[in-house]
Amino acid sequence: MRAILCRSFDGIDALELAELPLPQPAEGEVRVRVRAAGVNFADTLAVVGRYQEKPPLPFVPGMELAGEVDALGHGVDGLEVGDRVVAVVDHGAFAEFALARAQDVVRLPDGVDDATAAAFPITYGTALGALRWRAALKEGETLLVHGAGGGTGLAAVECGCLLGARVIATARGADRLVLARRHGAAHVLDAEDPALVHKIRELAPRGVDVAFDTVGGAMFDVSLKTIAWEGRILVIGFASGQVPQIPANILLVKNAAAIGFYWGSYRRRAPRQVRHGLEEILDGIVAGRLHPEVSQVYPLSKVPQALSDLTGRRARGKLVIRT
C-alpha cells in the first residue's frame, strides 16, 4: 500500500510517500480501506515529536479517516467487511489502508460522503465535548469562539448554536468571518482589530459565559478581559504558537475557570461517551443541523502541502486527504 511515512521528527519536509506492506488486524481491530483522511493541527505536532502522544519511529501520521472495512481481527462483533465507516486512530490514517480499534469505529449512515465523514470526528468531537462535558454550556448563554475560521473553531460555532448559545466569533480576515457567519455566528469580529476587547464588551456587557480558544497567545488575554463572573475559558490549543501563562488572580476575582480539554484522552478513559458523541454528531449532519466545512481536498502525495497550509494558517475550515 502507499502511505506517508515519518522516519524522523524533522518536520513536514522530511515526510515521504512510501510503499508499505498491508497491516494485519490484531484482536479487537479492523482494517479499513481508507477513502479520505482528515488533516489536523495535531498532525503537524506529531511529525516534529511535540504531540501529547509520541508514536515510535517510523510511523504513518493521520488521526481520522473514512472508508470501508476491509478485514476483521479476532473477536470483532457488530462490524462486517464492506461496511462504510468513520474511525479515529492514534496514527496511520494517511495511507491506503489503516488499522483501527473496533471500539473507535462507527458505521456511516447513507448520505454522508467520505470527505465529510473524514472531516468531522476530531473537530466536532472536540467542540461538542468541550462545550457540553467541560463547560456545561447552557441555552441562552453567550459563547465566544476564537479561531472561528478553522475546522475546530467552525465546529464550535455550530455546536454552540446547536446547544442554544449566542455565538460571537473572532477570526483573521473577511473571508473567515463570512464563513463563521454562514455557520451560525450571531456576531463576527476581526481578531486583529485593536478595539476587539471593547467590541466584545459592547456585545456582551456582562461578559461572555464561555470562551472557546484554539489560538492561545493574545486571544487568551482577550478571553480573560471579557469573561463573565463565573465564566469558563476552554483551553483547546495553541495555533498561535504561544502557550499563555494564566494570571490566577483574574480567575479568582471573577470566580472564573480556565478548563483544559483534550478530546483524545476520552477515547481511552470514556470510549462509550466518545462513541455516543460521534453518533450524535452524525445524526446532526444527516438532519442538516451540522455542516462540516471541507475547504480543500489533496491527493495522498500532497500531505506535506496540506500540513504546510495548515501551519501557515492558509486553511479555512477543514482540509482532507483523498487516497
C-alpha atoms as a PDB file:
ATOM      1  CA  MET A   1       0.000   0.000   0.000  1.00  0.00           C
ATOM      2  CA  ARG A   2       1.032   3.633  -0.410  1.00  0.00           C
ATOM      3  CA  ALA A   3       1.451   5.653   2.750  1.00  0.00           C
ATOM      4  CA  ILE A   4       3.029   8.839   4.044  1.00  0.00           C
ATOM      5  CA  LEU A   5       5.951   7.846   6.261  1.00  0.00           C
ATOM      6  CA  CYS A   6       7.569   9.833   9.062  1.00  0.00           C
ATOM      7  CA  ARG A   7      11.061   8.390   9.650  1.00  0.00           C
ATOM      8  CA  SER A   8      12.353  11.190  11.907  1.00  0.00           C
ATOM      9  CA  PHE A   9      10.987  14.139  13.867  1.00  0.00           C
ATOM     10  CA  ASP A  10      12.483  16.585  11.374  1.00  0.00           C
ATOM     11  CA  GLY A  11       9.204  18.103  10.314  1.00  0.00           C
ATOM     12  CA  ILE A  12       6.914  18.258   7.331  1.00  0.00           C
ATOM     13  CA  ASP A  13       9.637  18.430   4.687  1.00  0.00           C
ATOM     14  CA  ALA A  14      11.070  15.100   5.854  1.00  0.00           C
ATOM     15  CA  LEU A  15       7.845  13.181   5.161  1.00  0.00           C
ATOM     16  CA  GLU A  16       7.913  10.773   2.238  1.00  0.00           C
ATOM     17  CA  LEU A  17       5.478   8.754   0.138  1.00  0.00           C
ATOM     18  CA  ALA A  18       6.421   5.100   0.640  1.00  0.00           C
ATOM     19  CA  GLU A  19       5.287   1.581  -0.250  1.00  0.00           C
ATOM     20  CA  LEU A  20       4.497  -0.438   2.879  1.00  0.00           C
ATOM     21  CA  PRO A  21       3.093  -3.941   3.490  1.00  0.00           C
ATOM     22  CA  LEU A  22      -0.591  -4.219   4.327  1.00  0.00           C
ATOM     23  CA  PRO A  23      -1.109  -4.033   8.101  1.00  0.00           C
ATOM     24  CA  GLN A  24      -2.789  -7.063   9.680  1.00  0.00           C
ATOM     25  CA  PRO A  25      -5.563  -6.503  12.240  1.00  0.00           C
ATOM     26  CA  ALA A  26      -4.889  -7.815  15.737  1.00  0.00           C
ATOM     27  CA  GLU A  27      -7.573  -8.942  18.165  1.00  0.00           C
ATOM     28  CA  GLY A  28     -10.240  -6.289  18.514  1.00  0.00           C
ATOM     29  CA  GLU A  29      -9.052  -4.364  15.443  1.00  0.00           C
ATOM     30  CA  VAL A  30     -10.346  -3.830  11.928  1.00  0.00           C
ATOM     31  CA  ARG A  31      -8.507  -2.911   8.756  1.00  0.00           C
ATOM     32  CA  VAL A  32     -10.092  -0.080   6.794  1.00  0.00           C
ATOM     33  CA  ARG A  33      -9.621   0.735   3.127  1.00  0.00           C
ATOM     34  CA  VAL A  34      -9.112   4.468   3.566  1.00  0.00           C
ATOM     35  CA  ARG A  35     -11.009   6.701   1.156  1.00  0.00           C
ATOM     36  CA  ALA A  36     -10.432  10.027   2.908  1.00  0.00           C
ATOM     37  CA  ALA A  37      -8.484  11.266   5.929  1.00  0.00           C
ATOM     38  CA  GLY A  38      -8.832  14.480   7.896  1.00  0.00           C
ATOM     39  CA  VAL A  39      -5.898  16.853   8.461  1.00  0.00           C
ATOM     40  CA  ASN A  40      -5.455  18.226  11.985  1.00  0.00           C
ATOM     41  CA  PHE A  41      -3.124  20.642  13.738  1.00  0.00           C
ATOM     42  CA  ALA A  42      -2.144  17.689  15.930  1.00  0.00           C
ATOM     43  CA  ASP A  43      -0.615  16.025  12.856  1.00  0.00           C
ATOM     44  CA  THR A  44       1.800  18.939  12.465  1.00  0.00           C
ATOM     45  CA  LEU A  45       2.908  18.445  16.075  1.00  0.00           C
ATOM     46  CA  ALA A  46       3.204  14.667  15.732  1.00  0.00           C
ATOM     47  CA  VAL A  47       5.731  14.866  12.873  1.00  0.00           C
ATOM     48  CA  VAL A  48       8.062  17.020  14.989  1.00  0.00           C
ATOM     49  CA  GLY A  49       7.644  14.913  18.134  1.00  0.00           C
ATOM     50  CA  ARG A  50       5.712  17.560  20.068  1.00  0.00           C
ATOM     51  CA  TYR A  51       2.292  15.930  20.326  1.00  0.00           C
ATOM     52  CA  GLN A  52       0.988  14.674  23.678  1.00  0.00           C
ATOM     53  CA  GLU A  53       1.280  11.079  22.479  1.00  0.00           C
ATOM     54  CA  LYS A  54       4.582  10.388  20.696  1.00  0.00           C
ATOM     55  CA  PRO A  55       4.484   7.335  18.384  1.00  0.00           C
ATOM     56  CA  PRO A  56       7.642   5.272  17.846  1.00  0.00           C
ATOM     57  CA  LEU A  57       9.515   5.914  14.613  1.00  0.00           C
ATOM     58  CA  PRO A  58       8.892   5.246  11.819  1.00  0.00           C
ATOM     59  CA  PHE A  59       5.147   5.835  11.711  1.00  0.00           C
ATOM     60  CA  VAL A  60       2.348   6.886   9.376  1.00  0.00           C
ATOM     61  CA  PRO A  61       0.691  10.119  10.569  1.00  0.00           C
ATOM     62  CA  GLY A  62      -3.024  10.908  10.370  1.00  0.00           C
ATOM     63  CA  MET A  63      -5.643  10.521  13.102  1.00  0.00           C
ATOM     64  CA  GLU A  64      -9.078  10.282  11.475  1.00  0.00           C
ATOM     65  CA  LEU A  65     -10.386   8.513   8.400  1.00  0.00           C
ATOM     66  CA  ALA A  66     -13.370   7.287   6.446  1.00  0.00           C
ATOM     67  CA  GLY A  67     -13.606   4.231   4.222  1.00  0.00           C
ATOM     68  CA  GLU A  68     -14.767   0.611   4.128  1.00  0.00           C
ATOM     69  CA  VAL A  69     -13.973  -2.235   6.499  1.00  0.00           C
ATOM     70  CA  ASP A  70     -11.534  -4.497   4.639  1.00  0.00           C
ATOM     71  CA  ALA A  71     -10.653  -7.168   7.243  1.00  0.00           C
ATOM     72  CA  LEU A  72     -11.650  -8.124  10.792  1.00  0.00           C
ATOM     73  CA  GLY A  73      -9.422  -9.153  13.666  1.00  0.00           C
ATOM     74  CA  HIS A  74     -10.420 -11.891  16.098  1.00  0.00           C
ATOM     75  CA  GLY A  75     -13.237 -11.025  18.468  1.00  0.00           C
ATOM     76  CA  VAL A  76     -14.731  -8.129  16.498  1.00  0.00           C
ATOM     77  CA  ASP A  77     -18.529  -8.020  16.670  1.00  0.00           C
ATOM     78  CA  GLY A  78     -21.000  -5.608  15.118  1.00  0.00           C
ATOM     79  CA  LEU A  79     -18.942  -4.796  12.017  1.00  0.00           C
ATOM     80  CA  GLU A  80     -18.747  -6.570   8.662  1.00  0.00           C
ATOM     81  CA  VAL A  81     -16.363  -6.440   5.732  1.00  0.00           C
ATOM     82  CA  GLY A  82     -17.696  -3.822   3.333  1.00  0.00           C
ATOM     83  CA  ASP A  83     -19.282  -1.587   5.978  1.00  0.00           C
ATOM     84  CA  ARG A  84     -18.746   2.134   5.330  1.00  0.00           C
ATOM     85  CA  VAL A  85     -17.235   3.590   8.486  1.00  0.00           C
ATOM     86  CA  VAL A  86     -15.532   6.526  10.118  1.00  0.00           C
ATOM     87  CA  ALA A  87     -12.743   5.940  12.625  1.00  0.00           C
ATOM     88  CA  VAL A  88     -10.321   7.754  14.898  1.00  0.00           C
ATOM     89  CA  VAL A  89      -6.820   6.286  15.227  1.00  0.00           C
ATOM     90  CA  ASP A  90      -3.640   7.120  17.157  1.00  0.00           C
ATOM     91  CA  HIS A  91      -1.820   7.353  13.813  1.00  0.00           C
ATOM     92  CA  GLY A  92      -1.876   5.691  10.394  1.00  0.00           C
ATOM     93  CA  ALA A  93      -4.693   7.473   8.521  1.00  0.00           C
ATOM     94  CA  PHE A  94      -2.500   8.950   5.739  1.00  0.00           C
ATOM     95  CA  ALA A  95      -2.357   5.628   3.899  1.00  0.00           C
ATOM     96  CA  GLU A  96      -4.445   3.476   1.582  1.00  0.00           C
ATOM     97  CA  PHE A  97      -5.184   1.053   4.446  1.00  0.00           C
ATOM     98  CA  ALA A  98      -5.193   1.608   8.212  1.00  0.00           C
ATOM     99  CA  LEU A  99      -5.897  -0.313  11.410  1.00  0.00           C
ATOM    100  CA  ALA A 100      -8.405   0.893  13.987  1.00  0.00           C
ATOM    101  CA  ARG A 101      -9.717  -0.461  17.261  1.00  0.00           C
ATOM    102  CA  ALA A 102     -13.256  -1.683  16.672  1.00  0.00           C
ATOM    103  CA  GLN A 103     -14.498   0.476  19.551  1.00  0.00           C
ATOM    104  CA  ASP A 104     -13.204   3.570  17.687  1.00  0.00           C
ATOM    105  CA  VAL A 105     -15.136   2.709  14.508  1.00  0.00           C
ATOM    106  CA  VAL A 106     -18.640   3.994  13.763  1.00  0.00           C
ATOM    107  CA  ARG A 107     -20.826   2.980  10.810  1.00  0.00           C
ATOM    108  CA  LEU A 108     -21.653   5.766   8.390  1.00  0.00           C
ATOM    109  CA  PRO A 109     -25.304   6.459   7.592  1.00  0.00           C
ATOM    110  CA  ASP A 110     -26.396   6.875   3.998  1.00  0.00           C
ATOM    111  CA  GLY A 111     -25.955  10.379   2.690  1.00  0.00           C
ATOM    112  CA  VAL A 112     -22.656  11.181   4.437  1.00  0.00           C
ATOM    113  CA  ASP A 113     -19.851  11.184   1.868  1.00  0.00           C
ATOM    114  CA  ASP A 114     -16.272  10.133   2.635  1.00  0.00           C
ATOM    115  CA  ALA A 115     -14.781  13.640   2.698  1.00  0.00           C
ATOM    116  CA  THR A 116     -17.432  14.929   5.096  1.00  0.00           C
ATOM    117  CA  ALA A 117     -17.040  11.852   7.292  1.00  0.00           C
ATOM    118  CA  ALA A 118     -13.260  12.271   7.495  1.00  0.00           C
ATOM    119  CA  ALA A 119     -13.662  15.943   8.354  1.00  0.00           C
ATOM    120  CA  PHE A 120     -15.800  15.769  11.487  1.00  0.00           C
ATOM    121  CA  PRO A 121     -14.628  13.366  14.260  1.00  0.00           C
ATOM    122  CA  ILE A 122     -11.818  15.322  15.918  1.00  0.00           C
ATOM    123  CA  THR A 123     -13.061  18.861  15.270  1.00  0.00           C
ATOM    124  CA  TYR A 124     -16.719  18.278  16.122  1.00  0.00           C
ATOM    125  CA  GLY A 125     -15.877  15.735  18.827  1.00  0.00           C
ATOM    126  CA  THR A 126     -13.635  18.350  20.451  1.00  0.00           C
ATOM    127  CA  ALA A 127     -16.176  21.145  20.082  1.00  0.00           C
ATOM    128  CA  LEU A 128     -19.219  19.283  21.371  1.00  0.00           C
ATOM    129  CA  GLY A 129     -17.274  17.520  24.118  1.00  0.00           C
ATOM    130  CA  ALA A 130     -15.631  20.683  25.410  1.00  0.00           C
ATOM    131  CA  LEU A 131     -18.812  22.754  25.350  1.00  0.00           C
ATOM    132  CA  ARG A 132     -21.049  20.105  26.894  1.00  0.00           C
ATOM    133  CA  TRP A 133     -18.840  17.903  29.101  1.00  0.00           C
ATOM    134  CA  ARG A 134     -16.441  20.518  30.475  1.00  0.00           C
ATOM    135  CA  ALA A 135     -18.038  23.951  30.133  1.00  0.00           C
ATOM    136  CA  ALA A 136     -21.669  22.824  30.582  1.00  0.00           C
ATOM    137  CA  LEU A 137     -22.777  25.460  28.070  1.00  0.00           C
ATOM    138  CA  LYS A 138     -26.421  26.356  28.650  1.00  0.00           C
ATOM    139  CA  GLU A 139     -29.143  27.571  26.338  1.00  0.00           C
ATOM    140  CA  GLY A 140     -29.205  31.360  26.252  1.00  0.00           C
ATOM    141  CA  GLU A 141     -25.561  31.807  27.308  1.00  0.00           C
ATOM    142  CA  THR A 142     -23.039  33.762  25.259  1.00  0.00           C
ATOM    143  CA  LEU A 143     -20.179  31.805  23.682  1.00  0.00           C
ATOM    144  CA  LEU A 144     -17.009  33.469  22.377  1.00  0.00           C
ATOM    145  CA  VAL A 145     -15.137  31.364  19.784  1.00  0.00           C
ATOM    146  CA  HIS A 146     -11.576  32.274  18.792  1.00  0.00           C
ATOM    147  CA  GLY A 147     -10.090  30.891  15.590  1.00  0.00           C
ATOM    148  CA  ALA A 148     -13.590  30.560  14.170  1.00  0.00           C
ATOM    149  CA  GLY A 149     -12.363  30.242  10.586  1.00  0.00           C
ATOM    150  CA  GLY A 150     -10.579  26.937  11.226  1.00  0.00           C
ATOM    151  CA  GLY A 151     -12.051  23.464  11.406  1.00  0.00           C
ATOM    152  CA  THR A 152     -12.373  23.234  15.191  1.00  0.00           C
ATOM    153  CA  GLY A 153     -13.477  26.845  15.546  1.00  0.00           C
ATOM    154  CA  LEU A 154     -16.237  26.433  12.963  1.00  0.00           C
ATOM    155  CA  ALA A 155     -17.335  23.240  14.687  1.00  0.00           C
ATOM    156  CA  ALA A 156     -17.533  25.148  17.977  1.00  0.00           C
ATOM    157  CA  VAL A 157     -19.674  27.828  16.321  1.00  0.00           C
ATOM    158  CA  GLU A 158     -22.118  25.215  15.038  1.00  0.00           C
ATOM    159  CA  CYS A 159     -22.160  23.147  18.239  1.00  0.00           C
ATOM    160  CA  GLY A 160     -22.667  26.302  20.289  1.00  0.00           C
ATOM    161  CA  CYS A 161     -25.684  27.172  18.167  1.00  0.00           C
ATOM    162  CA  LEU A 162     -26.932  23.580  18.468  1.00  0.00           C
ATOM    163  CA  LEU A 163     -26.814  23.922  22.269  1.00  0.00           C
ATOM    164  CA  GLY A 164     -28.754  27.197  22.135  1.00  0.00           C
ATOM    165  CA  ALA A 165     -25.980  29.721  22.779  1.00  0.00           C
ATOM    166  CA  ARG A 166     -25.497  33.132  21.200  1.00  0.00           C
ATOM    167  CA  VAL A 167     -22.142  32.922  19.424  1.00  0.00           C
ATOM    168  CA  ILE A 168     -19.584  35.694  18.997  1.00  0.00           C
ATOM    169  CA  ALA A 169     -16.847  34.558  16.601  1.00  0.00           C
ATOM    170  CA  THR A 170     -13.379  36.004  16.052  1.00  0.00           C
ATOM    171  CA  ALA A 171     -11.132  35.184  13.098  1.00  0.00           C
ATOM    172  CA  ARG A 172      -8.469  36.730  10.886  1.00  0.00           C
ATOM    173  CA  GLY A 173      -9.672  38.100   7.550  1.00  0.00           C
ATOM    174  CA  ALA A 174     -13.006  38.883   5.949  1.00  0.00           C
ATOM    175  CA  ASP A 175     -13.380  35.503   4.222  1.00  0.00           C
ATOM    176  CA  ARG A 176     -13.124  33.611   7.530  1.00  0.00           C
ATOM    177  CA  LEU A 177     -15.616  35.969   9.160  1.00  0.00           C
ATOM    178  CA  VAL A 178     -18.089  35.347   6.338  1.00  0.00           C
ATOM    179  CA  LEU A 179     -17.583  31.604   6.861  1.00  0.00           C
ATOM    180  CA  ALA A 180     -18.238  31.875  10.602  1.00  0.00           C
ATOM    181  CA  ARG A 181     -21.390  33.893   9.960  1.00  0.00           C
ATOM    182  CA  ARG A 182     -22.576  31.293   7.456  1.00  0.00           C
ATOM    183  CA  HIS A 183     -22.146  28.569  10.069  1.00  0.00           C
ATOM    184  CA  GLY A 184     -24.350  30.374  12.577  1.00  0.00           C
ATOM    185  CA  ALA A 185     -22.346  33.013  14.456  1.00  0.00           C
ATOM    186  CA  ALA A 186     -24.591  35.862  15.562  1.00  0.00           C
ATOM    187  CA  HIS A 187     -21.666  38.312  15.567  1.00  0.00           C
ATOM    188  CA  VAL A 188     -18.279  38.168  13.840  1.00  0.00           C
ATOM    189  CA  LEU A 189     -15.223  40.246  14.760  1.00  0.00           C
ATOM    190  CA  ASP A 190     -11.769  40.630  13.241  1.00  0.00           C
ATOM    191  CA  ALA A 191      -9.246  39.034  15.611  1.00  0.00           C
ATOM    192  CA  GLU A 192      -6.657  41.679  14.668  1.00  0.00           C
ATOM    193  CA  ASP A 193      -8.899  44.654  15.422  1.00  0.00           C
ATOM    194  CA  PRO A 194      -7.196  46.811  18.114  1.00  0.00           C
ATOM    195  CA  ALA A 195     -10.657  47.513  19.559  1.00  0.00           C
ATOM    196  CA  LEU A 196     -11.569  43.808  19.804  1.00  0.00           C
ATOM    197  CA  VAL A 197     -11.996  43.753  23.592  1.00  0.00           C
ATOM    198  CA  HIS A 198     -14.151  46.876  23.515  1.00  0.00           C
ATOM    199  CA  LYS A 199     -16.369  45.449  20.768  1.00  0.00           C
ATOM    200  CA  ILE A 200     -16.878  42.167  22.625  1.00  0.00           C
ATOM    201  CA  ARG A 201     -17.833  44.109  25.756  1.00  0.00           C
ATOM    202  CA  GLU A 202     -20.355  46.091  23.724  1.00  0.00           C
ATOM    203  CA  LEU A 203     -21.928  42.839  22.516  1.00  0.00           C
ATOM    204  CA  ALA A 204     -21.764  41.192  25.971  1.00  0.00           C
ATOM    205  CA  PRO A 205     -21.808  43.932  28.639  1.00  0.00           C
ATOM    206  CA  ARG A 206     -21.883  41.385  31.480  1.00  0.00           C
ATOM    207  CA  GLY A 207     -19.144  39.336  29.843  1.00  0.00           C
ATOM    208  CA  VAL A 208     -19.140  36.119  27.825  1.00  0.00           C
ATOM    209  CA  ASP A 209     -20.177  32.983  29.683  1.00  0.00           C
ATOM    210  CA  VAL A 210     -17.851  30.605  27.824  1.00  0.00           C
ATOM    211  CA  ALA A 211     -14.755  31.290  25.708  1.00  0.00           C
ATOM    212  CA  PHE A 212     -13.539  28.560  23.326  1.00  0.00           C
ATOM    213  CA  ASP A 213      -9.879  29.158  22.500  1.00  0.00           C
ATOM    214  CA  THR A 214      -7.923  27.184  19.904  1.00  0.00           C
ATOM    215  CA  VAL A 215      -5.412  30.014  19.401  1.00  0.00           C
ATOM    216  CA  GLY A 216      -3.782  30.911  22.725  1.00  0.00           C
ATOM    217  CA  GLY A 217      -1.432  33.891  22.966  1.00  0.00           C
ATOM    218  CA  ALA A 218      -3.170  37.249  22.654  1.00  0.00           C
ATOM    219  CA  MET A 219      -6.584  35.650  22.199  1.00  0.00           C
ATOM    220  CA  PHE A 220      -6.401  34.089  25.656  1.00  0.00           C
ATOM    221  CA  ASP A 221      -5.797  37.570  27.055  1.00  0.00           C
ATOM    222  CA  VAL A 222      -8.913  38.763  25.216  1.00  0.00           C
ATOM    223  CA  SER A 223     -10.888  35.962  26.870  1.00  0.00           C
ATOM    224  CA  LEU A 224      -9.609  36.925  30.334  1.00  0.00           C
ATOM    225  CA  LYS A 225     -10.636  40.547  29.783  1.00  0.00           C
ATOM    226  CA  THR A 226     -14.128  39.692  28.550  1.00  0.00           C
ATOM    227  CA  ILE A 227     -15.088  36.591  30.558  1.00  0.00           C
ATOM    228  CA  ALA A 228     -18.144  36.961  32.806  1.00  0.00           C
ATOM    229  CA  TRP A 229     -18.374  36.330  36.525  1.00  0.00           C
ATOM    230  CA  GLU A 230     -18.409  32.519  36.885  1.00  0.00           C
ATOM    231  CA  GLY A 231     -17.377  32.255  33.226  1.00  0.00           C
ATOM    232  CA  ARG A 232     -15.432  29.345  31.759  1.00  0.00           C
ATOM    233  CA  ILE A 233     -12.456  29.593  29.402  1.00  0.00           C
ATOM    234  CA  LEU A 234     -11.867  26.416  27.414  1.00  0.00           C
ATOM    235  CA  VAL A 235      -8.193  25.861  26.584  1.00  0.00           C
ATOM    236  CA  ILE A 236      -8.283  23.808  23.371  1.00  0.00           C
ATOM    237  CA  GLY A 237      -4.984  24.515  21.608  1.00  0.00           C
ATOM    238  CA  PHE A 238      -2.290  26.994  20.719  1.00  0.00           C
ATOM    239  CA  ALA A 239      -2.436  27.649  16.970  1.00  0.00           C
ATOM    240  CA  SER A 240      -0.634  30.952  17.543  1.00  0.00           C
ATOM    241  CA  GLY A 241       2.389  29.058  18.856  1.00  0.00           C
ATOM    242  CA  GLN A 242       2.164  30.902  22.179  1.00  0.00           C
ATOM    243  CA  VAL A 243       1.114  28.991  25.298  1.00  0.00           C
ATOM    244  CA  PRO A 244      -0.491  31.527  27.671  1.00  0.00           C
ATOM    245  CA  GLN A 245       0.667  31.930  31.255  1.00  0.00           C
ATOM    246  CA  ILE A 246      -2.560  32.270  33.229  1.00  0.00           C
ATOM    247  CA  PRO A 247      -2.772  35.041  35.864  1.00  0.00           C
ATOM    248  CA  ALA A 248      -4.663  33.200  38.597  1.00  0.00           C
ATOM    249  CA  ASN A 249      -5.645  36.445  40.338  1.00  0.00           C
ATOM    250  CA  ILE A 250      -8.013  37.315  37.482  1.00  0.00           C
ATOM    251  CA  LEU A 251      -9.670  33.914  37.714  1.00  0.00           C
ATOM    252  CA  LEU A 252     -10.030  34.440  41.464  1.00  0.00           C
ATOM    253  CA  VAL A 253     -11.608  37.891  41.221  1.00  0.00           C
ATOM    254  CA  LYS A 254     -14.098  36.789  38.552  1.00  0.00           C
ATOM    255  CA  ASN A 255     -14.807  33.353  40.070  1.00  0.00           C
ATOM    256  CA  ALA A 256     -13.864  32.168  36.586  1.00  0.00           C
ATOM    257  CA  ALA A 257     -12.330  28.882  35.472  1.00  0.00           C
ATOM    258  CA  ALA A 258      -9.719  28.003  32.842  1.00  0.00           C
ATOM    259  CA  ILE A 259     -10.541  24.473  31.724  1.00  0.00           C
ATOM    260  CA  GLY A 260      -8.241  22.288  29.657  1.00  0.00           C
ATOM    261  CA  PHE A 261      -9.786  19.921  27.136  1.00  0.00           C
ATOM    262  CA  TYR A 262      -8.005  17.134  25.236  1.00  0.00           C
ATOM    263  CA  TRP A 263     -10.604  15.043  23.418  1.00  0.00           C
ATOM    264  CA  GLY A 264      -8.146  12.282  22.592  1.00  0.00           C
ATOM    265  CA  SER A 265      -7.806  11.241  26.234  1.00  0.00           C
ATOM    266  CA  TYR A 266     -11.529  10.432  26.365  1.00  0.00           C
ATOM    267  CA  ARG A 267     -11.002   7.696  23.755  1.00  0.00           C
ATOM    268  CA  ARG A 268      -9.075   5.752  26.385  1.00  0.00           C
ATOM    269  CA  ARG A 269     -10.932   6.804  29.528  1.00  0.00           C
ATOM    270  CA  ALA A 270     -14.534   7.115  28.291  1.00  0.00           C
ATOM    271  CA  PRO A 271     -14.869   5.356  24.898  1.00  0.00           C
ATOM    272  CA  ARG A 272     -18.646   4.942  25.135  1.00  0.00           C
ATOM    273  CA  GLN A 273     -19.033   8.662  25.800  1.00  0.00           C
ATOM    274  CA  VAL A 274     -16.916   9.438  22.730  1.00  0.00           C
ATOM    275  CA  ARG A 275     -18.852   6.980  20.579  1.00  0.00           C
ATOM    276  CA  HIS A 276     -22.194   8.424  21.665  1.00  0.00           C
ATOM    277  CA  GLY A 277     -20.918  11.903  20.830  1.00  0.00           C
ATOM    278  CA  LEU A 278     -19.818  10.859  17.342  1.00  0.00           C
ATOM    279  CA  GLU A 279     -23.165   9.204  16.677  1.00  0.00           C
ATOM    280  CA  GLU A 280     -24.970  12.342  17.842  1.00  0.00           C
ATOM    281  CA  ILE A 281     -22.854  14.474  15.508  1.00  0.00           C
ATOM    282  CA  LEU A 282     -23.594  12.144  12.594  1.00  0.00           C
ATOM    283  CA  ASP A 283     -27.301  12.472  13.374  1.00  0.00           C
ATOM    284  CA  GLY A 284     -26.867  16.257  13.256  1.00  0.00           C
ATOM    285  CA  ILE A 285     -25.109  16.071   9.887  1.00  0.00           C
ATOM    286  CA  VAL A 286     -27.804  13.828   8.387  1.00  0.00           C
ATOM    287  CA  ALA A 287     -30.530  16.125   9.736  1.00  0.00           C
ATOM    288  CA  GLY A 288     -28.834  19.196   8.266  1.00  0.00           C
ATOM    289  CA  ARG A 289     -28.118  20.841  11.633  1.00  0.00           C
ATOM    290  CA  LEU A 290     -24.329  20.453  11.357  1.00  0.00           C
ATOM    291  CA  HIS A 291     -22.296  21.165   8.231  1.00  0.00           C
ATOM    292  CA  PRO A 292     -18.578  20.250   8.296  1.00  0.00           C
ATOM    293  CA  GLU A 293     -16.755  22.682   6.011  1.00  0.00           C
ATOM    294  CA  VAL A 294     -14.312  20.902   3.690  1.00  0.00           C
ATOM    295  CA  SER A 295     -12.418  23.728   2.013  1.00  0.00           C
ATOM    296  CA  GLN A 296      -9.786  21.752   0.106  1.00  0.00           C
ATOM    297  CA  VAL A 297      -9.041  18.143  -0.842  1.00  0.00           C
ATOM    298  CA  TYR A 298      -5.496  16.916  -1.572  1.00  0.00           C
ATOM    299  CA  PRO A 299      -4.186  13.644  -3.014  1.00  0.00           C
ATOM    300  CA  LEU A 300      -2.154  11.404  -0.699  1.00  0.00           C
ATOM    301  CA  SER A 301       1.128  12.578  -2.209  1.00  0.00           C
ATOM    302  CA  LYS A 302       0.323  16.165  -1.185  1.00  0.00           C
ATOM    303  CA  VAL A 303       0.022  15.543   2.579  1.00  0.00           C
ATOM    304  CA  PRO A 304       3.115  17.730   3.216  1.00  0.00           C
ATOM    305  CA  GLN A 305       1.481  20.577   1.298  1.00  0.00           C
ATOM    306  CA  ALA A 306      -1.734  20.204   3.316  1.00  0.00           C
ATOM    307  CA  LEU A 307       0.195  20.278   6.588  1.00  0.00           C
ATOM    308  CA  SER A 308       2.156  23.333   5.429  1.00  0.00           C
ATOM    309  CA  ASP A 309      -1.059  25.126   4.502  1.00  0.00           C
ATOM    310  CA  LEU A 310      -2.397  24.365   7.975  1.00  0.00           C
ATOM    311  CA  THR A 311       0.690  25.574   9.863  1.00  0.00           C
ATOM    312  CA  GLY A 312       0.868  28.636   7.608  1.00  0.00           C
ATOM    313  CA  ARG A 313      -2.724  29.468   8.617  1.00  0.00           C
ATOM    314  CA  ARG A 314      -3.777  29.472   4.972  1.00  0.00           C
ATOM    315  CA  ALA A 315      -6.581  26.985   5.594  1.00  0.00           C
ATOM    316  CA  ARG A 316     -10.258  27.727   6.072  1.00  0.00           C
ATOM    317  CA  GLY A 317     -12.470  25.055   7.525  1.00  0.00           C
ATOM    318  CA  LYS A 318     -11.162  21.516   7.184  1.00  0.00           C
ATOM    319  CA  LEU A 319      -8.519  20.039   4.884  1.00  0.00           C
ATOM    320  CA  VAL A 320      -8.993  16.457   3.686  1.00  0.00           C
ATOM    321  CA  ILE A 321      -6.724  13.890   2.012  1.00  0.00           C
ATOM    322  CA  ARG A 322      -8.120  11.586  -0.708  1.00  0.00           C
ATOM    323  CA  THR A 323      -6.391   8.253  -1.088  1.00  0.00           C
END
